[in-house]
Amino acid sequence: WFRQAPGKEREFVTAISRSGGSTYYA
């Protein structure tokens, strides 16, 4: 998941691996 606020660049929010076993958060 990424997000973009008005007037700002897109930013990373969170990611999950294929298996679901790995995640990462901003």
PDB file of all heavy atoms in Angstrom:
ATOM      1  N   TRP A   1       0.854  -1.179   0.000  1.00  0.00           N
ATOM      2  CA  TRP A   1       0.000   0.000   0.000  1.00  0.00           C
ATOM      3  C   TRP A   1       0.898   1.239   0.000  1.00  0.00           C
ATOM      4  O   TRP A   1       1.859   1.314   0.765  1.00  0.00           O
ATOM      5  CB  TRP A   1      -0.902   0.033   1.225  1.00  0.00           C
ATOM      6  CG  TRP A   1      -1.985  -0.997   1.227  1.00  0.00           C
ATOM      7  CD1 TRP A   1      -1.949  -2.238   1.787  1.00  0.00           C
ATOM      8  CD2 TRP A   1      -3.291  -0.858   0.645  1.00  0.00           C
ATOM      9  NE1 TRP A   1      -3.140  -2.890   1.594  1.00  0.00           N
ATOM     10  CE2 TRP A   1      -3.992  -2.068   0.891  1.00  0.00           C
ATOM     11  CE3 TRP A   1      -3.951   0.154  -0.053  1.00  0.00           C
ATOM     12  CZ2 TRP A   1      -5.299  -2.273   0.467  1.00  0.00           C
ATOM     13  CZ3 TRP A   1      -5.244  -0.056  -0.475  1.00  0.00           C
ATOM     14  CH2 TRP A   1      -5.905  -1.269  -0.216  1.00  0.00           C
ATOM     15  N   PHE A   2       0.514   2.171  -0.856  1.00  0.00           N
ATOM     16  CA  PHE A   2       1.139   3.480  -0.893  1.00  0.00           C
ATOM     17  C   PHE A   2       0.043   4.521  -0.718  1.00  0.00           C
ATOM     18  O   PHE A   2      -1.138   4.209  -0.830  1.00  0.00           O
ATOM     19  CB  PHE A   2       1.842   3.712  -2.239  1.00  0.00           C
ATOM     20  CG  PHE A   2       3.079   2.874  -2.439  1.00  0.00           C
ATOM     21  CD1 PHE A   2       2.973   1.537  -2.800  1.00  0.00           C
ATOM     22  CD2 PHE A   2       4.335   3.415  -2.262  1.00  0.00           C
ATOM     23  CE1 PHE A   2       4.113   0.753  -2.981  1.00  0.00           C
ATOM     24  CE2 PHE A   2       5.483   2.649  -2.450  1.00  0.00           C
ATOM     25  CZ  PHE A   2       5.364   1.304  -2.809  1.00  0.00           C
ATOM     26  N   ARG A   3       0.432   5.736  -0.437  1.00  0.00           N
ATOM     27  CA  ARG A   3      -0.558   6.802  -0.336  1.00  0.00           C
ATOM     28  C   ARG A   3       0.025   8.098  -0.875  1.00  0.00           C
ATOM     29  O   ARG A   3       1.236   8.290  -0.903  1.00  0.00           O
ATOM     30  CB  ARG A   3      -1.028   6.980   1.102  1.00  0.00           C
ATOM     31  CG  ARG A   3       0.029   7.504   2.063  1.00  0.00           C
ATOM     32  CD  ARG A   3      -0.506   7.497   3.491  1.00  0.00           C
ATOM     33  NE  ARG A   3       0.474   8.024   4.444  1.00  0.00           N
ATOM     34  CZ  ARG A   3       0.302   8.022   5.769  1.00  0.00           C
ATOM     35  NH1 ARG A   3      -0.816   7.515   6.297  1.00  0.00           N
ATOM     36  NH2 ARG A   3       1.243   8.507   6.550  1.00  0.00           N
ATOM     37  N   GLN A   4      -0.895   8.970  -1.292  1.00  0.00           N
ATOM     38  CA  GLN A   4      -0.492  10.274  -1.794  1.00  0.00           C
ATOM     39  C   GLN A   4      -1.461  11.326  -1.295  1.00  0.00           C
ATOM     40  O   GLN A   4      -2.660  11.266  -1.604  1.00  0.00           O
ATOM     41  CB  GLN A   4      -0.429  10.293  -3.316  1.00  0.00           C
ATOM     42  CG  GLN A   4       0.154  11.572  -3.888  1.00  0.00           C
ATOM     43  CD  GLN A   4       0.509  11.451  -5.355  1.00  0.00           C
ATOM     44  OE1 GLN A   4       0.036  10.571  -6.061  1.00  0.00           O
ATOM     45  NE2 GLN A   4       1.371  12.343  -5.828  1.00  0.00           N
ATOM     46  N   ALA A   5      -0.939  12.259  -0.536  1.00  0.00           N
ATOM     47  CA  ALA A   5      -1.723  13.371  -0.033  1.00  0.00           C
ATOM     48  C   ALA A   5      -1.656  14.525  -1.028  1.00  0.00           C
ATOM     49  O   ALA A   5      -0.700  14.610  -1.813  1.00  0.00           O
ATOM     50  CB  ALA A   5      -1.189  13.802   1.324  1.00  0.00           C
ATOM     51  N   PRO A   6      -2.626  15.425  -1.006  1.00  0.00           N
ATOM     52  CA  PRO A   6      -2.617  16.559  -1.933  1.00  0.00           C
ATOM     53  C   PRO A   6      -1.335  17.371  -1.828  1.00  0.00           C
ATOM     54  O   PRO A   6      -0.903  17.738  -0.731  1.00  0.00           O
ATOM     55  CB  PRO A   6      -3.826  17.386  -1.480  1.00  0.00           C
ATOM     56  CG  PRO A   6      -4.718  16.409  -0.824  1.00  0.00           C
ATOM     57  CD  PRO A   6      -3.820  15.412  -0.153  1.00  0.00           C
ATOM     58  N   GLY A   7      -0.708  17.623  -2.968  1.00  0.00           N
ATOM     59  CA  GLY A   7       0.495  18.422  -2.993  1.00  0.00           C
ATOM     60  C   GLY A   7       1.751  17.714  -2.529  1.00  0.00           C
ATOM     61  O   GLY A   7       2.810  18.334  -2.421  1.00  0.00           O
ATOM     62  N   LYS A   8       1.623  16.425  -2.253  1.00  0.00           N
ATOM     63  CA  LYS A   8       2.786  15.677  -1.769  1.00  0.00           C
ATOM     64  C   LYS A   8       3.097  14.514  -2.703  1.00  0.00           C
ATOM     65  O   LYS A   8       2.261  14.086  -3.489  1.00  0.00           O
ATOM     66  CB  LYS A   8       2.541  15.150  -0.353  1.00  0.00           C
ATOM     67  CG  LYS A   8       2.398  16.250   0.687  1.00  0.00           C
ATOM     68  CD  LYS A   8       2.317  15.662   2.087  1.00  0.00           C
ATOM     69  CE  LYS A   8       2.267  16.750   3.139  1.00  0.00           C
ATOM     70  NZ  LYS A   8       2.214  16.181   4.515  1.00  0.00           N
ATOM     71  N   GLU A   9       4.288  13.994  -2.577  1.00  0.00           N
ATOM     72  CA  GLU A   9       4.666  12.837  -3.370  1.00  0.00           C
ATOM     73  C   GLU A   9       4.058  11.570  -2.769  1.00  0.00           C
ATOM     74  O   GLU A   9       3.749  11.508  -1.588  1.00  0.00           O
ATOM     75  CB  GLU A   9       6.197  12.716  -3.419  1.00  0.00           C
ATOM     76  CG  GLU A   9       6.883  13.840  -4.166  1.00  0.00           C
ATOM     77  CD  GLU A   9       8.372  13.591  -4.323  1.00  0.00           C
ATOM     78  OE1 GLU A   9       8.881  12.622  -3.736  1.00  0.00           O
ATOM     79  OE2 GLU A   9       9.013  14.382  -5.041  1.00  0.00           O
ATOM     80  N   ARG A  10       3.944  10.592  -3.638  1.00  0.00           N
ATOM     81  CA  ARG A  10       3.472   9.290  -3.170  1.00  0.00           C
ATOM     82  C   ARG A  10       4.470   8.721  -2.164  1.00  0.00           C
ATOM     83  O   ARG A  10       5.684   8.827  -2.353  1.00  0.00           O
ATOM     84  CB  ARG A  10       3.338   8.350  -4.368  1.00  0.00           C
ATOM     85  CG  ARG A  10       2.816   6.964  -4.036  1.00  0.00           C
ATOM     86  CD  ARG A  10       2.761   6.123  -5.290  1.00  0.00           C
ATOM     87  NE  ARG A  10       4.081   5.932  -5.859  1.00  0.00           N
ATOM     88  CZ  ARG A  10       4.306   5.509  -7.099  1.00  0.00           C
ATOM     89  NH1 ARG A  10       3.291   5.256  -7.900  1.00  0.00           N
ATOM     90  NH2 ARG A  10       5.543   5.329  -7.530  1.00  0.00           N
ATOM     91  N   GLU A  11       3.944   8.096  -1.116  1.00  0.00           N
ATOM     92  CA  GLU A  11       4.829   7.527  -0.106  1.00  0.00           C
ATOM     93  C   GLU A  11       4.427   6.091   0.224  1.00  0.00           C
ATOM     94  O   GLU A  11       3.262   5.708   0.161  1.00  0.00           O
ATOM     95  CB  GLU A  11       4.831   8.372   1.172  1.00  0.00           C
ATOM     96  CG  GLU A  11       3.521   8.417   1.905  1.00  0.00           C
ATOM     97  CD  GLU A  11       3.629   9.115   3.255  1.00  0.00           C
ATOM     98  OE1 GLU A  11       4.754   9.468   3.674  1.00  0.00           O
ATOM     99  OE2 GLU A  11       2.580   9.305   3.909  1.00  0.00           O
ATOM    100  N   PHE A  12       5.428   5.337   0.585  1.00  0.00           N
ATOM    101  CA  PHE A  12       5.231   3.953   0.987  1.00  0.00           C
ATOM    102  C   PHE A  12       4.521   3.901   2.330  1.00  0.00           C
ATOM    103  O   PHE A  12       4.837   4.679   3.240  1.00  0.00           O
ATOM    104  CB  PHE A  12       6.592   3.263   1.084  1.00  0.00           C
ATOM    105  CG  PHE A  12       6.563   1.917   1.731  1.00  0.00           C
ATOM    106  CD1 PHE A  12       6.206   0.800   1.002  1.00  0.00           C
ATOM    107  CD2 PHE A  12       6.892   1.762   3.069  1.00  0.00           C
ATOM    108  CE1 PHE A  12       6.181  -0.453   1.585  1.00  0.00           C
ATOM    109  CE2 PHE A  12       6.868   0.525   3.670  1.00  0.00           C
ATOM    110  CZ  PHE A  12       6.517  -0.590   2.924  1.00  0.00           C
ATOM    111  N   VAL A  13       3.585   2.964   2.468  1.00  0.00           N
ATOM    112  CA  VAL A  13       2.877   2.765   3.727  1.00  0.00           C
ATOM    113  C   VAL A  13       3.258   1.426   4.346  1.00  0.00           C
ATOM    114  O   VAL A  13       3.730   1.366   5.476  1.00  0.00           O
ATOM    115  CB  VAL A  13       1.356   2.833   3.526  1.00  0.00           C
ATOM    116  CG1 VAL A  13       0.631   2.542   4.851  1.00  0.00           C
ATOM    117  CG2 VAL A  13       0.949   4.198   2.974  1.00  0.00           C
ATOM    118  N   THR A  14       3.045   0.357   3.597  1.00  0.00           N
ATOM    119  CA  THR A  14       3.322  -0.972   4.115  1.00  0.00           C
ATOM    120  C   THR A  14       3.392  -1.969   2.973  1.00  0.00           C
ATOM    121  O   THR A  14       2.857  -1.722   1.892  1.00  0.00           O
ATOM    122  CB  THR A  14       2.233  -1.394   5.124  1.00  0.00           C
ATOM    123  OG1 THR A  14       2.514  -2.703   5.638  1.00  0.00           O
ATOM    124  CG2 THR A  14       0.858  -1.414   4.478  1.00  0.00           C
ATOM    125  N   ALA A  15       4.049  -3.103   3.215  1.00  0.00           N
ATOM    126  CA  ALA A  15       4.168  -4.148   2.201  1.00  0.00           C
ATOM    127  C   ALA A  15       4.109  -5.518   2.856  1.00  0.00           C
ATOM    128  O   ALA A  15       4.419  -5.667   4.044  1.00  0.00           O
ATOM    129  CB  ALA A  15       5.483  -3.998   1.429  1.00  0.00           C
ATOM    130  N   ILE A  16       3.733  -6.492   2.051  1.00  0.00           N
ATOM    131  CA  ILE A  16       3.642  -7.863   2.528  1.00  0.00           C
ATOM    132  C   ILE A  16       4.181  -8.799   1.458  1.00  0.00           C
ATOM    133  O   ILE A  16       3.984  -8.569   0.261  1.00  0.00           O
ATOM    134  CB  ILE A  16       2.181  -8.212   2.910  1.00  0.00           C
ATOM    135  CG1 ILE A  16       2.089  -9.550   3.631  1.00  0.00           C
ATOM    136  CG2 ILE A  16       1.261  -8.168   1.691  1.00  0.00           C
ATOM    137  CD1 ILE A  16       0.738  -9.774   4.304  1.00  0.00           C
ATOM    138  N   SER A  17       4.865  -9.831   1.881  1.00  0.00           N
ATOM    139  CA  SER A  17       5.463 -10.763   0.937  1.00  0.00           C
ATOM    140  C   SER A  17       4.414 -11.685   0.322  1.00  0.00           C
ATOM    141  O   SER A  17       3.254 -11.716   0.757  1.00  0.00           O
ATOM    142  CB  SER A  17       6.525 -11.595   1.655  1.00  0.00           C
ATOM    143  OG  SER A  17       5.916 -12.351   2.698  1.00  0.00           O
ATOM    144  N   ARG A  18       4.845 -12.448  -0.639  1.00  0.00           N
ATOM    145  CA  ARG A  18       3.948 -13.406  -1.301  1.00  0.00           C
ATOM    146  C   ARG A  18       3.259 -14.328  -0.302  1.00  0.00           C
ATOM    147  O   ARG A  18       2.074 -14.597  -0.390  1.00  0.00           O
ATOM    148  CB  ARG A  18       4.750 -14.264  -2.270  1.00  0.00           C
ATOM    149  CG  ARG A  18       5.073 -13.677  -3.595  1.00  0.00           C
ATOM    150  CD  ARG A  18       5.863 -14.668  -4.421  1.00  0.00           C
ATOM    151  NE  ARG A  18       5.241 -15.999  -4.443  1.00  0.00           N
ATOM    152  CZ  ARG A  18       5.785 -17.058  -5.002  1.00  0.00           C
ATOM    153  NH1 ARG A  18       6.981 -16.959  -5.591  1.00  0.00           N
ATOM    154  NH2 ARG A  18       5.185 -18.222  -5.003  1.00  0.00           N
ATOM    155  N   SER A  19       4.042 -14.831   0.606  1.00  0.00           N
ATOM    156  CA  SER A  19       3.526 -15.809   1.562  1.00  0.00           C
ATOM    157  C   SER A  19       2.740 -15.162   2.694  1.00  0.00           C
ATOM    158  O   SER A  19       2.008 -15.845   3.413  1.00  0.00           O
ATOM    159  CB  SER A  19       4.684 -16.594   2.153  1.00  0.00           C
ATOM    160  OG  SER A  19       5.506 -15.738   2.938  1.00  0.00           O
ATOM    161  N   GLY A  20       2.928 -13.865   2.864  1.00  0.00           N
ATOM    162  CA  GLY A  20       2.325 -13.185   4.006  1.00  0.00           C
ATOM    163  C   GLY A  20       3.190 -13.262   5.250  1.00  0.00           C
ATOM    164  O   GLY A  20       2.843 -12.691   6.280  1.00  0.00           O
ATOM    165  N   GLY A  21       4.306 -13.958   5.152  1.00  0.00           N
ATOM    166  CA  GLY A  21       5.158 -14.149   6.311  1.00  0.00           C
ATOM    167  C   GLY A  21       6.025 -12.969   6.662  1.00  0.00           C
ATOM    168  O   GLY A  21       6.543 -12.876   7.781  1.00  0.00           O
ATOM    169  N   SER A  22       6.202 -12.064   5.718  1.00  0.00           N
ATOM    170  CA  SER A  22       7.020 -10.873   5.963  1.00  0.00           C
ATOM    171  C   SER A  22       6.200  -9.629   5.697  1.00  0.00           C
ATOM    172  O   SER A  22       5.479  -9.563   4.704  1.00  0.00           O
ATOM    173  CB  SER A  22       8.245 -10.865   5.047  1.00  0.00           C
ATOM    174  OG  SER A  22       9.066 -11.980   5.254  1.00  0.00           O
ATOM    175  N   THR A  23       6.325  -8.681   6.601  1.00  0.00           N
ATOM    176  CA  THR A  23       5.662  -7.389   6.433  1.00  0.00           C
ATOM    177  C   THR A  23       6.629  -6.274   6.803  1.00  0.00           C
ATOM    178  O   THR A  23       7.615  -6.508   7.519  1.00  0.00           O
ATOM    179  CB  THR A  23       4.402  -7.269   7.299  1.00  0.00           C
ATOM    180  OG1 THR A  23       4.762  -7.451   8.682  1.00  0.00           O
ATOM    181  CG2 THR A  23       3.360  -8.301   6.912  1.00  0.00           C
ATOM    182  N   TYR A  24       6.328  -5.087   6.318  1.00  0.00           N
ATOM    183  CA  TYR A  24       7.156  -3.931   6.656  1.00  0.00           C
ATOM    184  C   TYR A  24       6.261  -2.702   6.676  1.00  0.00           C
ATOM    185  O   TYR A  24       5.337  -2.587   5.864  1.00  0.00           O
ATOM    186  CB  TYR A  24       8.263  -3.743   5.618  1.00  0.00           C
ATOM    187  CG  TYR A  24       9.330  -2.767   6.056  1.00  0.00           C
ATOM    188  CD1 TYR A  24      10.406  -3.186   6.817  1.00  0.00           C
ATOM    189  CD2 TYR A  24       9.246  -1.418   5.711  1.00  0.00           C
ATOM    190  CE1 TYR A  24      11.378  -2.296   7.229  1.00  0.00           C
ATOM    191  CE2 TYR A  24      10.214  -0.519   6.121  1.00  0.00           C
ATOM    192  CZ  TYR A  24      11.270  -0.964   6.875  1.00  0.00           C
ATOM    193  OH  TYR A  24      12.225  -0.082   7.295  1.00  0.00           O
ATOM    194  N   TYR A  25       6.536  -1.806   7.610  1.00  0.00           N
ATOM    195  CA  TYR A  25       5.702  -0.621   7.783  1.00  0.00           C
ATOM    196  C   TYR A  25       6.543   0.646   7.798  1.00  0.00           C
ATOM    197  O   TYR A  25       7.657   0.656   8.356  1.00  0.00           O
ATOM    198  CB  TYR A  25       4.918  -0.705   9.090  1.00  0.00           C
ATOM    199  CG  TYR A  25       3.940  -1.846   9.148  1.00  0.00           C
ATOM    200  CD1 TYR A  25       4.319  -3.088   9.641  1.00  0.00           C
ATOM    201  CD2 TYR A  25       2.624  -1.685   8.703  1.00  0.00           C
ATOM    202  CE1 TYR A  25       3.426  -4.147   9.676  1.00  0.00           C
ATOM    203  CE2 TYR A  25       1.720  -2.737   8.740  1.00  0.00           C
ATOM    204  CZ  TYR A  25       2.135  -3.963   9.231  1.00  0.00           C
ATOM    205  OH  TYR A  25       1.245  -5.015   9.273  1.00  0.00           O
ATOM    206  N   ALA A  26       5.994   1.688   7.241  1.00  0.00           N
ATOM    207  CA  ALA A  26       6.595   3.002   7.412  1.00  0.00           C
ATOM    208  C   ALA A  26       6.506   3.387   8.885  1.00  0.00           C
ATOM    209  O   ALA A  26       5.542   3.019   9.572  1.00  0.00           O
ATOM    210  CB  ALA A  26       5.874   4.033   6.547  1.00  0.00           C
TER     211      ALA A  26
END
